PDB file of N, CA and C in Angstrom:
ATOM      1  N   MET A   1     115.164  83.087 163.871  1.00  0.00           N
ATOM      2  CA  MET A   1     115.497  81.691 163.870  1.00  0.00           C
ATOM      3  C   MET A   1     117.008  81.599 164.003  1.00  0.00           C
ATOM      4  N   SER A   2     117.459  80.939 165.039  1.00  0.00           N
ATOM      5  CA  SER A   2     118.880  80.814 165.325  1.00  0.00           C
ATOM      6  C   SER A   2     119.334  79.385 165.083  1.00  0.00           C
ATOM      7  N   LEU A   3     120.323  79.204 164.199  1.00  0.00           N
ATOM      8  CA  LEU A   3     120.806  77.874 163.837  1.00  0.00           C
ATOM      9  C   LEU A   3     122.329  77.833 163.841  1.00  0.00           C
ATOM     10  N   ASP A   4     122.880  76.614 163.817  1.00  0.00           N
ATOM     11  CA  ASP A   4     124.323  76.425 163.746  1.00  0.00           C
ATOM     12  C   ASP A   4     124.838  76.771 162.354  1.00  0.00           C
ATOM     13  N   GLY A   5     126.169  76.815 162.235  1.00  0.00           N
ATOM     14  CA  GLY A   5     126.801  77.102 160.959  1.00  0.00           C
ATOM     15  C   GLY A   5     126.584  76.028 159.909  1.00  0.00           C
ATOM     16  N   VAL A   6     126.156  74.844 160.327  1.00  0.00           N
ATOM     17  CA  VAL A   6     125.886  73.759 159.384  1.00  0.00           C
ATOM     18  C   VAL A   6     124.783  74.163 158.407  1.00  0.00           C
ATOM     19  N   TYR A   7     123.851  74.971 158.862  1.00  0.00           N
ATOM     20  CA  TYR A   7     122.701  75.355 158.054  1.00  0.00           C
ATOM     21  C   TYR A   7     122.943  76.634 157.264  1.00  0.00           C
ATOM     22  N   ASP A   8     124.200  77.061 157.149  1.00  0.00           N
ATOM     23  CA  ASP A   8     124.529  78.297 156.460  1.00  0.00           C
ATOM     24  C   ASP A   8     124.542  78.075 154.951  1.00  0.00           C
ATOM     25  N   CYS A   9     123.414  78.350 154.321  1.00  0.00           N
ATOM     26  CA  CYS A   9     123.342  78.338 152.863  1.00  0.00           C
ATOM     27  C   CYS A   9     122.216  79.281 152.448  1.00  0.00           C
ATOM     28  N   ARG A  10     122.270  79.689 151.224  1.00  0.00           N
ATOM     29  CA  ARG A  10     121.298  80.656 150.716  1.00  0.00           C
ATOM     30  C   ARG A  10     119.877  80.102 150.777  1.00  0.00           C
ATOM     31  N   THR A  11     119.709  78.811 150.511  1.00  0.00           N
ATOM     32  CA  THR A  11     118.380  78.193 150.508  1.00  0.00           C
ATOM     33  C   THR A  11     117.738  78.267 151.893  1.00  0.00           C
ATOM     34  N   ASN A  12     118.497  77.926 152.933  1.00  0.00           N
ATOM     35  CA  ASN A  12     117.948  77.969 154.293  1.00  0.00           C
ATOM     36  C   ASN A  12     117.630  79.397 154.716  1.00  0.00           C
ATOM     37  N   ARG A  13     118.543  80.313 154.426  1.00  0.00           N
ATOM     38  CA  ARG A  13     118.290  81.721 154.795  1.00  0.00           C
ATOM     39  C   ARG A  13     117.041  82.254 154.096  1.00  0.00           C
ATOM     40  N   LYS A  14     116.880  81.915 152.833  1.00  0.00           N
ATOM     41  CA  LYS A  14     115.715  82.382 152.077  1.00  0.00           C
ATOM     42  C   LYS A  14     114.423  81.767 152.614  1.00  0.00           C
ATOM     43  N   ALA A  15     114.452  80.477 152.949  1.00  0.00           N
ATOM     44  CA  ALA A  15     113.260  79.807 153.477  1.00  0.00           C
ATOM     45  C   ALA A  15     112.841  80.421 154.814  1.00  0.00           C
ATOM     46  N   ILE A  16     113.810  80.720 155.671  1.00  0.00           N
ATOM     47  CA  ILE A  16     113.501  81.339 156.964  1.00  0.00           C
ATOM     48  C   ILE A  16     112.942  82.739 156.765  1.00  0.00           C
ATOM     49  N   PHE A  17     113.575  83.502 155.881  1.00  0.00           N
ATOM     50  CA  PHE A  17     113.132  84.874 155.622  1.00  0.00           C
ATOM     51  C   PHE A  17     111.736  84.899 155.013  1.00  0.00           C
ATOM     52  N   ASN A  18     111.428  83.951 154.114  1.00  0.00           N
ATOM     53  CA  ASN A  18     110.105  83.891 153.483  1.00  0.00           C
ATOM     54  C   ASN A  18     109.001  83.537 154.464  1.00  0.00           C
ATOM     55  N   ARG A  19     109.353  82.953 155.594  1.00  0.00           N
ATOM     56  CA  ARG A  19     108.362  82.627 156.623  1.00  0.00           C
ATOM     57  C   ARG A  19     108.204  83.751 157.641  1.00  0.00           C
ATOM     58  N   GLY A  20     108.806  84.905 157.360  1.00  0.00           N
ATOM     59  CA  GLY A  20     108.626  86.079 158.208  1.00  0.00           C
ATOM     60  C   GLY A  20     109.563  86.151 159.398  1.00  0.00           C
ATOM     61  N   MET A  21     110.633  85.360 159.399  1.00  0.00           N
ATOM     62  CA  MET A  21     111.597  85.374 160.497  1.00  0.00           C
ATOM     63  C   MET A  21     112.935  85.910 159.998  1.00  0.00           C
ATOM     64  N   ILE A  22     113.768  86.312 160.926  1.00  0.00           N
ATOM     65  CA  ILE A  22     115.105  86.785 160.583  1.00  0.00           C
ATOM     66  C   ILE A  22     116.095  85.673 160.911  1.00  0.00           C
ATOM     67  N   PRO A  23     116.858  85.201 159.911  1.00  0.00           N
ATOM     68  CA  PRO A  23     117.813  84.123 160.187  1.00  0.00           C
ATOM     69  C   PRO A  23     119.007  84.616 160.999  1.00  0.00           C
ATOM     70  N   ASN A  24     119.368  83.876 162.028  1.00  0.00           N
ATOM     71  CA  ASN A  24     120.545  84.170 162.847  1.00  0.00           C
ATOM     72  C   ASN A  24     121.454  82.935 162.769  1.00  0.00           C
ATOM     73  N   ILE A  25     122.194  82.843 161.650  1.00  0.00           N
ATOM     74  CA  ILE A  25     123.027  81.681 161.381  1.00  0.00           C
ATOM     75  C   ILE A  25     124.470  82.147 161.300  1.00  0.00           C
ATOM     76  N   ASN A  26     125.340  81.504 162.076  1.00  0.00           N
ATOM     77  CA  ASN A  26     126.761  81.835 162.060  1.00  0.00           C
ATOM     78  C   ASN A  26     127.343  81.437 160.706  1.00  0.00           C
ATOM     79  N   ALA A  27     128.096  82.333 160.091  1.00  0.00           N
ATOM     80  CA  ALA A  27     128.681  82.054 158.783  1.00  0.00           C
ATOM     81  C   ALA A  27     129.723  80.946 158.903  1.00  0.00           C
ATOM     82  N   ASN A  28     129.641  79.978 158.007  1.00  0.00           N
ATOM     83  CA  ASN A  28     130.571  78.860 157.980  1.00  0.00           C
ATOM     84  C   ASN A  28     131.525  79.079 156.801  1.00  0.00           C
ATOM     85  N   PRO A  29     132.810  79.336 157.054  1.00  0.00           N
ATOM     86  CA  PRO A  29     133.722  79.667 155.956  1.00  0.00           C
ATOM     87  C   PRO A  29     133.994  78.507 154.996  1.00  0.00           C
ATOM     88  N   ARG A  30     133.859  77.279 155.417  1.00  0.00           N
ATOM     89  CA  ARG A  30     134.032  76.093 154.565  1.00  0.00           C
ATOM     90  C   ARG A  30     135.327  76.141 153.754  1.00  0.00           C
ATOM     91  N   SER A  31     136.412  76.431 154.405  1.00  0.00           N
ATOM     92  CA  SER A  31     137.744  76.471 153.787  1.00  0.00           C
ATOM     93  C   SER A  31     137.848  77.480 152.649  1.00  0.00           C
ATOM     94  N   ARG A  32     137.144  78.586 152.762  1.00  0.00           N
ATOM     95  CA  ARG A  32     137.234  79.632 151.744  1.00  0.00           C
ATOM     96  C   ARG A  32     138.523  80.422 151.933  1.00  0.00           C
ATOM     97  N   LYS A  33     139.155  80.778 150.853  1.00  0.00           N
ATOM     98  CA  LYS A  33     140.354  81.607 150.928  1.00  0.00           C
ATOM     99  C   LYS A  33     139.991  83.083 150.952  1.00  0.00           C
ATOM    100  N   THR A  34     138.869  83.425 150.322  1.00  0.00           N
ATOM    101  CA  THR A  34     138.390  84.802 150.341  1.00  0.00           C
ATOM    102  C   THR A  34     136.972  84.801 150.897  1.00  0.00           C
ATOM    103  N   SER A  35     136.564  85.927 151.446  1.00  0.00           N
ATOM    104  CA  SER A  35     135.215  86.011 152.014  1.00  0.00           C
ATOM    105  C   SER A  35     134.176  86.138 150.901  1.00  0.00           C
ATOM    106  N   LYS A  36     132.934  85.854 151.255  1.00  0.00           N
ATOM    107  CA  LYS A  36     131.838  85.972 150.297  1.00  0.00           C
ATOM    108  C   LYS A  36     131.649  87.428 149.904  1.00  0.00           C
ATOM    109  N   ARG A  37     131.239  87.635 148.687  1.00  0.00           N
ATOM    110  CA  ARG A  37     130.956  88.991 148.225  1.00  0.00           C
ATOM    111  C   ARG A  37     129.564  89.406 148.689  1.00  0.00           C
ATOM    112  N   GLY A  38     129.351  90.699 148.724  1.00  0.00           N
ATOM    113  CA  GLY A  38     128.029  91.210 149.063  1.00  0.00           C
ATOM    114  C   GLY A  38     127.897  91.558 150.532  1.00  0.00           C
ATOM    115  N   ARG A  39     126.665  91.832 150.902  1.00  0.00           N
ATOM    116  CA  ARG A  39     126.375  92.232 152.274  1.00  0.00           C
ATOM    117  C   ARG A  39     126.574  91.058 153.224  1.00  0.00           C
ATOM    118  N   LYS A  40     127.173  91.340 154.364  1.00  0.00           N
ATOM    119  CA  LYS A  40     127.413  90.303 155.363  1.00  0.00           C
ATOM    120  C   LYS A  40     126.080  89.949 156.034  1.00  0.00           C
ATOM    121  N   PRO A  41     125.774  88.635 156.172  1.00  0.00           N
ATOM    122  CA  PRO A  41     124.510  88.252 156.806  1.00  0.00           C
ATOM    123  C   PRO A  41     124.489  88.619 158.290  1.00  0.00           C
ATOM    124  N   LEU A  42     123.294  88.866 158.793  1.00  0.00           N
ATOM    125  CA  LEU A  42     123.147  89.224 160.195  1.00  0.00           C
ATOM    126  C   LEU A  42     123.461  88.040 161.098  1.00  0.00           C
ATOM    127  N   PHE A  43     124.185  88.294 162.186  1.00  0.00           N
ATOM    128  CA  PHE A  43     124.457  87.267 163.186  1.00  0.00           C
ATOM    129  C   PHE A  43     124.663  87.949 164.525  1.00  0.00           C
ATOM    130  N   ASN A  44     123.874  87.553 165.521  1.00  0.00           N
ATOM    131  CA  ASN A  44     123.979  88.097 166.866  1.00  0.00           C
ATOM    132  C   ASN A  44     124.437  86.964 167.779  1.00  0.00           C
ATOM    133  N   SER A  45     125.660  87.062 168.289  1.00  0.00           N
ATOM    134  CA  SER A  45     126.222  85.970 169.094  1.00  0.00           C
ATOM    135  C   SER A  45     125.503  85.807 170.431  1.00  0.00           C
ATOM    136  N   ALA A  46     124.949  86.890 170.988  1.00  0.00           N
ATOM    137  CA  ALA A  46     124.231  86.785 172.269  1.00  0.00           C
ATOM    138  C   ALA A  46     122.978  85.914 172.119  1.00  0.00           C
ATOM    139  N   ILE A  47     122.250  86.092 171.026  1.00  0.00           N
ATOM    140  CA  ILE A  47     121.057  85.274 170.767  1.00  0.00           C
ATOM    141  C   ILE A  47     121.472  83.824 170.567  1.00  0.00           C
ATOM    142  N   PHE A  48     122.567  83.605 169.846  1.00  0.00           N
ATOM    143  CA  PHE A  48     123.044  82.250 169.585  1.00  0.00           C
ATOM    144  C   PHE A  48     123.452  81.553 170.880  1.00  0.00           C
ATOM    145  N   LYS A  49     124.151  82.249 171.780  1.00  0.00           N
ATOM    146  CA  LYS A  49     124.571  81.660 173.055  1.00  0.00           C
ATOM    147  C   LYS A  49     123.364  81.287 173.910  1.00  0.00           C
ATOM    148  N   GLU A  50     122.366  82.164 173.948  1.00  0.00           N
ATOM    149  CA  GLU A  50     121.156  81.897 174.735  1.00  0.00           C
ATOM    150  C   GLU A  50     120.428  80.668 174.198  1.00  0.00           C
ATOM    151  N   ARG A  51     120.347  80.555 172.882  1.00  0.00           N
ATOM    152  CA  ARG A  51     119.698  79.404 172.269  1.00  0.00           C
ATOM    153  C   ARG A  51     120.457  78.122 172.614  1.00  0.00           C
ATOM    154  N   PHE A  52     121.784  78.181 172.531  1.00  0.00           N
ATOM    155  CA  PHE A  52     122.602  77.005 172.814  1.00  0.00           C
ATOM    156  C   PHE A  52     122.401  76.540 174.250  1.00  0.00           C
ATOM    157  N   HIS A  53     122.410  77.475 175.212  1.00  0.00           N
ATOM    158  CA  HIS A  53     122.242  77.096 176.614  1.00  0.00           C
ATOM    159  C   HIS A  53     120.838  76.551 176.876  1.00  0.00           C
ATOM    160  N   THR A  54     119.836  77.123 176.229  1.00  0.00           N
ATOM    161  CA  THR A  54     118.464  76.650 176.404  1.00  0.00           C
ATOM    162  C   THR A  54     118.308  75.232 175.866  1.00  0.00           C
ATOM    163  N   ILE A  55     118.829  74.970 174.683  1.00  0.00           N
ATOM    164  CA  ILE A  55     118.714  73.648 174.081  1.00  0.00           C
ATOM    165  C   ILE A  55     119.451  72.606 174.911  1.00  0.00           C
ATOM    166  N   GLU A  56     120.652  72.931 175.370  1.00  0.00           N
ATOM    167  CA  GLU A  56     121.419  71.985 176.178  1.00  0.00           C
ATOM    168  C   GLU A  56     120.720  71.691 177.505  1.00  0.00           C
ATOM    169  N   ARG A  57     120.066  72.699 178.079  1.00  0.00           N
ATOM    170  CA  ARG A  57     119.318  72.507 179.318  1.00  0.00           C
ATOM    171  C   ARG A  57     118.145  71.550 179.095  1.00  0.00           C
ATOM    172  N   VAL A  58     117.447  71.705 177.988  1.00  0.00           N
ATOM    173  CA  VAL A  58     116.320  70.824 177.676  1.00  0.00           C
ATOM    174  C   VAL A  58     116.807  69.388 177.491  1.00  0.00           C
ATOM    175  N   PHE A  59     117.941  69.209 176.792  1.00  0.00           N
ATOM    176  CA  PHE A  59     118.484  67.859 176.622  1.00  0.00           C
ATOM    177  C   PHE A  59     118.873  67.268 177.970  1.00  0.00           C
ATOM    178  N   GLY A  60     119.393  68.067 178.873  1.00  0.00           N
ATOM    179  CA  GLY A  60     119.742  67.595 180.208  1.00  0.00           C
ATOM    180  C   GLY A  60     118.517  67.138 180.978  1.00  0.00           C
ATOM    181  N   TRP A  61     117.432  67.901 180.888  1.00  0.00           N
ATOM    182  CA  TRP A  61     116.188  67.511 181.558  1.00  0.00           C
ATOM    183  C   TRP A  61     115.636  66.221 180.955  1.00  0.00           C
ATOM    184  N   GLU A  62     115.733  66.126 179.631  1.00  0.00           N
ATOM    185  CA  GLU A  62     115.207  64.953 178.942  1.00  0.00           C
ATOM    186  C   GLU A  62     116.013  63.702 179.299  1.00  0.00           C
ATOM    187  N   ASP A  63     117.304  63.846 179.535  1.00  0.00           N
ATOM    188  CA  ASP A  63     118.160  62.698 179.849  1.00  0.00           C
ATOM    189  C   ASP A  63     117.848  62.078 181.205  1.00  0.00           C
ATOM    190  N   LYS A  64     117.085  62.757 182.047  1.00  0.00           N
ATOM    191  CA  LYS A  64     116.708  62.198 183.342  1.00  0.00           C
ATOM    192  C   LYS A  64     115.687  61.075 183.200  1.00  0.00           C
ATOM    193  N   PHE A  65     115.056  60.990 182.039  1.00  0.00           N
ATOM    194  CA  PHE A  65     114.063  59.950 181.791  1.00  0.00           C
ATOM    195  C   PHE A  65     114.736  58.821 181.013  1.00  0.00           C
ATOM    196  N   ARG A  66     114.991  57.703 181.698  1.00  0.00           N
ATOM    197  CA  ARG A  66     115.765  56.610 181.141  1.00  0.00           C
ATOM    198  C   ARG A  66     115.120  56.033 179.886  1.00  0.00           C
ATOM    199  N   ARG A  67     113.817  55.956 179.896  1.00  0.00           N
ATOM    200  CA  ARG A  67     113.124  55.372 178.749  1.00  0.00           C
ATOM    201  C   ARG A  67     113.342  56.209 177.488  1.00  0.00           C
ATOM    202  N   LEU A  68     113.420  57.530 177.639  1.00  0.00           N
ATOM    203  CA  LEU A  68     113.677  58.386 176.489  1.00  0.00           C
ATOM    204  C   LEU A  68     115.146  58.359 176.088  1.00  0.00           C
ATOM    205  N   LEU A  69     116.006  58.245 177.070  1.00  0.00           N
ATOM    206  CA  LEU A  69     117.444  58.262 176.805  1.00  0.00           C
ATOM    207  C   LEU A  69     117.890  57.041 176.006  1.00  0.00           C
ATOM    208  N   LEU A  70     117.369  55.875 176.359  1.00  0.00           N
ATOM    209  CA  LEU A  70     117.790  54.639 175.699  1.00  0.00           C
ATOM    210  C   LEU A  70     116.886  54.241 174.534  1.00  0.00           C
ATOM    211  N   ARG A  71     115.728  54.843 174.433  1.00  0.00           N
ATOM    212  CA  ARG A  71     114.753  54.592 173.365  1.00  0.00           C
ATOM    213  C   ARG A  71     114.435  53.113 173.233  1.00  0.00           C
ATOM    214  N   PHE A  72     113.677  52.611 174.204  1.00  0.00           N
ATOM    215  CA  PHE A  72     113.248  51.215 174.190  1.00  0.00           C
ATOM    216  C   PHE A  72     112.130  50.967 173.177  1.00  0.00           C
ATOM    217  N   ASP A  73     111.374  51.989 172.845  1.00  0.00           N
ATOM    218  CA  ASP A  73     110.161  51.824 172.056  1.00  0.00           C
ATOM    219  C   ASP A  73     110.472  51.600 170.583  1.00  0.00           C
ATOM    220  N   ARG A  74     109.729  50.684 169.986  1.00  0.00           N
ATOM    221  CA  ARG A  74     109.887  50.448 168.548  1.00  0.00           C
ATOM    222  C   ARG A  74     108.993  51.383 167.743  1.00  0.00           C
ATOM    223  N   LEU A  75     107.852  51.721 168.296  1.00  0.00           N
ATOM    224  CA  LEU A  75     106.912  52.603 167.593  1.00  0.00           C
ATOM    225  C   LEU A  75     107.244  54.053 167.893  1.00  0.00           C
ATOM    226  N   SER A  76     107.351  54.861 166.851  1.00  0.00           N
ATOM    227  CA  SER A  76     107.687  56.271 167.063  1.00  0.00           C
ATOM    228  C   SER A  76     106.561  57.000 167.793  1.00  0.00           C
ATOM    229  N   GLN A  77     105.294  56.568 167.584  1.00  0.00           N
ATOM    230  CA  GLN A  77     104.181  57.221 168.265  1.00  0.00           C
ATOM    231  C   GLN A  77     104.278  57.029 169.774  1.00  0.00           C
ATOM    232  N   LEU A  78     104.695  55.851 170.188  1.00  0.00           N
ATOM    233  CA  LEU A  78     104.852  55.583 171.615  1.00  0.00           C
ATOM    234  C   LEU A  78     106.006  56.402 172.197  1.00  0.00           C
ATOM    235  N   HIS A  79     107.085  56.517 171.440  1.00  0.00           N
ATOM    236  CA  HIS A  79     108.230  57.325 171.889  1.00  0.00           C
ATOM    237  C   HIS A  79     107.808  58.788 172.069  1.00  0.00           C
ATOM    238  N   TYR A  80     107.095  59.328 171.089  1.00  0.00           N
ATOM    239  CA  TYR A  80     106.658  60.721 171.192  1.00  0.00           C
ATOM    240  C   TYR A  80     105.629  60.919 172.300  1.00  0.00           C
ATOM    241  N   ALA A  81     104.829  59.891 172.583  1.00  0.00           N
ATOM    242  CA  ALA A  81     103.877  59.978 173.690  1.00  0.00           C
ATOM    243  C   ALA A  81     104.624  60.079 175.021  1.00  0.00           C
ATOM    244  N   PHE A  82     105.663  59.259 175.187  1.00  0.00           N
ATOM    245  CA  PHE A  82     106.462  59.337 176.415  1.00  0.00           C
ATOM    246  C   PHE A  82     107.243  60.641 176.494  1.00  0.00           C
ATOM    247  N   LYS A  83     107.663  61.146 175.347  1.00  0.00           N
ATOM    248  CA  LYS A  83     108.368  62.432 175.329  1.00  0.00           C
ATOM    249  C   LYS A  83     107.417  63.550 175.772  1.00  0.00           C
ATOM    250  N   THR A  84     106.190  63.511 175.311  1.00  0.00           N
ATOM    251  CA  THR A  84     105.190  64.491 175.723  1.00  0.00           C
ATOM    252  C   THR A  84     104.910  64.381 177.214  1.00  0.00           C
ATOM    253  N   LEU A  85     104.820  63.170 177.714  1.00  0.00           N
ATOM    254  CA  LEU A  85     104.613  62.954 179.144  1.00  0.00           C
ATOM    255  C   LEU A  85     105.796  63.496 179.958  1.00  0.00           C
ATOM    256  N   ALA A  86     107.004  63.275 179.473  1.00  0.00           N
ATOM    257  CA  ALA A  86     108.196  63.773 180.170  1.00  0.00           C
ATOM    258  C   ALA A  86     108.199  65.302 180.213  1.00  0.00           C
ATOM    259  N   TYR A  87     107.899  65.939 179.077  1.00  0.00           N
ATOM    260  CA  TYR A  87     107.873  67.411 179.054  1.00  0.00           C
ATOM    261  C   TYR A  87     106.755  67.957 179.944  1.00  0.00           C
ATOM    262  N   THR A  88     105.640  67.245 180.001  1.00  0.00           N
ATOM    263  CA  THR A  88     104.560  67.653 180.895  1.00  0.00           C
ATOM    264  C   THR A  88     105.009  67.590 182.352  1.00  0.00           C
ATOM    265  N   MET A  89     105.717  66.522 182.709  1.00  0.00           N
ATOM    266  CA  MET A  89     106.214  66.386 184.082  1.00  0.00           C
ATOM    267  C   MET A  89     107.255  67.466 184.400  1.00  0.00           C
ATOM    268  N   ILE A  90     108.116  67.780 183.436  1.00  0.00           N
ATOM    269  CA  ILE A  90     109.128  68.835 183.640  1.00  0.00           C
ATOM    270  C   ILE A  90     108.441  70.174 183.868  1.00  0.00           C
ATOM    271  N   ASN A  91     107.476  70.496 183.010  1.00  0.00           N
ATOM    272  CA  ASN A  91     106.771  71.771 183.157  1.00  0.00           C
ATOM    273  C   ASN A  91     105.977  71.830 184.452  1.00  0.00           C
ATOM    274  N   LEU A  92     105.330  70.736 184.827  1.00  0.00           N
ATOM    275  CA  LEU A  92     104.555  70.698 186.065  1.00  0.00           C
ATOM    276  C   LEU A  92     105.462  70.884 187.274  1.00  0.00           C
ATOM    277  N   ARG A  93     106.635  70.252 187.243  1.00  0.00           N
ATOM    278  CA  ARG A  93     107.579  70.392 188.351  1.00  0.00           C
ATOM    279  C   ARG A  93     108.038  71.846 188.513  1.00  0.00           C
ATOM    280  N   HIS A  94     108.350  72.491 187.397  1.00  0.00           N
ATOM    281  CA  HIS A  94     108.791  73.890 187.481  1.00  0.00           C
ATOM    282  C   HIS A  94     107.642  74.819 187.861  1.00  0.00           C
ATOM    283  N   PHE A  95     106.436  74.516 187.389  1.00  0.00           N
ATOM    284  CA  PHE A  95     105.291  75.340 187.748  1.00  0.00           C
ATOM    285  C   PHE A  95     104.984  75.217 189.234  1.00  0.00           C
ATOM    286  N   CYS A  96     105.022  73.991 189.760  1.00  0.00           N
ATOM    287  CA  CYS A  96     104.729  73.774 191.180  1.00  0.00           C
ATOM    288  C   CYS A  96     105.790  74.402 192.075  1.00  0.00           C
ATOM    289  N   GLN A  97     107.055  74.426 191.656  1.00  0.00           N
ATOM    290  CA  GLN A  97     108.097  75.082 192.422  1.00  0.00           C
ATOM    291  C   GLN A  97     107.859  76.572 192.486  1.00  0.00           C
ATOM    292  N   GLY A  98     107.407  77.169 191.379  1.00  0.00           N
ATOM    293  CA  GLY A  98     107.125  78.596 191.345  1.00  0.00           C
ATOM    294  C   GLY A  98     105.959  78.973 192.235  1.00  0.00           C
ATOM    295  N   VAL A  99     104.931  78.130 192.296  1.00  0.00           N
ATOM    296  CA  VAL A  99     103.762  78.389 193.137  1.00  0.00           C
ATOM    297  C   VAL A  99     104.126  78.237 194.593  1.00  0.00           C
ATOM    298  N   ARG A 100     104.926  77.235 194.922  1.00  0.00           N
ATOM    299  CA  ARG A 100     105.292  76.974 196.301  1.00  0.00           C
ATOM    300  C   ARG A 100     106.182  78.081 196.887  1.00  0.00           C
ATOM    301  N   SER A 101     107.014  78.701 196.045  1.00  0.00           N
ATOM    302  CA  SER A 101     107.958  79.681 196.552  1.00  0.00           C
ATOM    303  C   SER A 101     107.344  81.061 196.771  1.00  0.00           C
ATOM    304  N   THR A 102     106.111  81.286 196.290  1.00  0.00           N
ATOM    305  CA  THR A 102     105.494  82.595 196.487  1.00  0.00           C
ATOM    306  C   THR A 102     104.981  82.718 197.925  1.00  0.00           C
ATOM    307  N   PRO A 103     105.183  83.870 198.573  1.00  0.00           N
ATOM    308  CA  PRO A 103     104.701  84.050 199.948  1.00  0.00           C
ATOM    309  C   PRO A 103     103.189  84.205 199.985  1.00  0.00           C
ATOM    310  N   LYS A 104     102.592  83.797 201.114  1.00  0.00           N
ATOM    311  CA  LYS A 104     101.127  83.897 201.274  1.00  0.00           C
ATOM    312  C   LYS A 104     100.750  85.131 202.023  1.00  0.00           C
TER     313      LYS A 104
END
């Protein structure tokens, strides 16, 4: 589980670890003058960068749908229904591009 430094606390790390995952959270110094005692938590910057680029790409795809971007809907169920429809269209578009590009 890869998260930002905002989620850097013992409670979050323990909750992630108890669910069978390895936390990948960048340490947030929070104006500390000395470093924390004990073993340094695991952090892999390559995994964090990949997660960041993937999330930003998804937000970019989602922003193409004006109704989701401006959130016209008052009911959250309707908003999530349109979000599901948008993700379905995104996946279908990428799937159809992959099928079309294969040689016969």
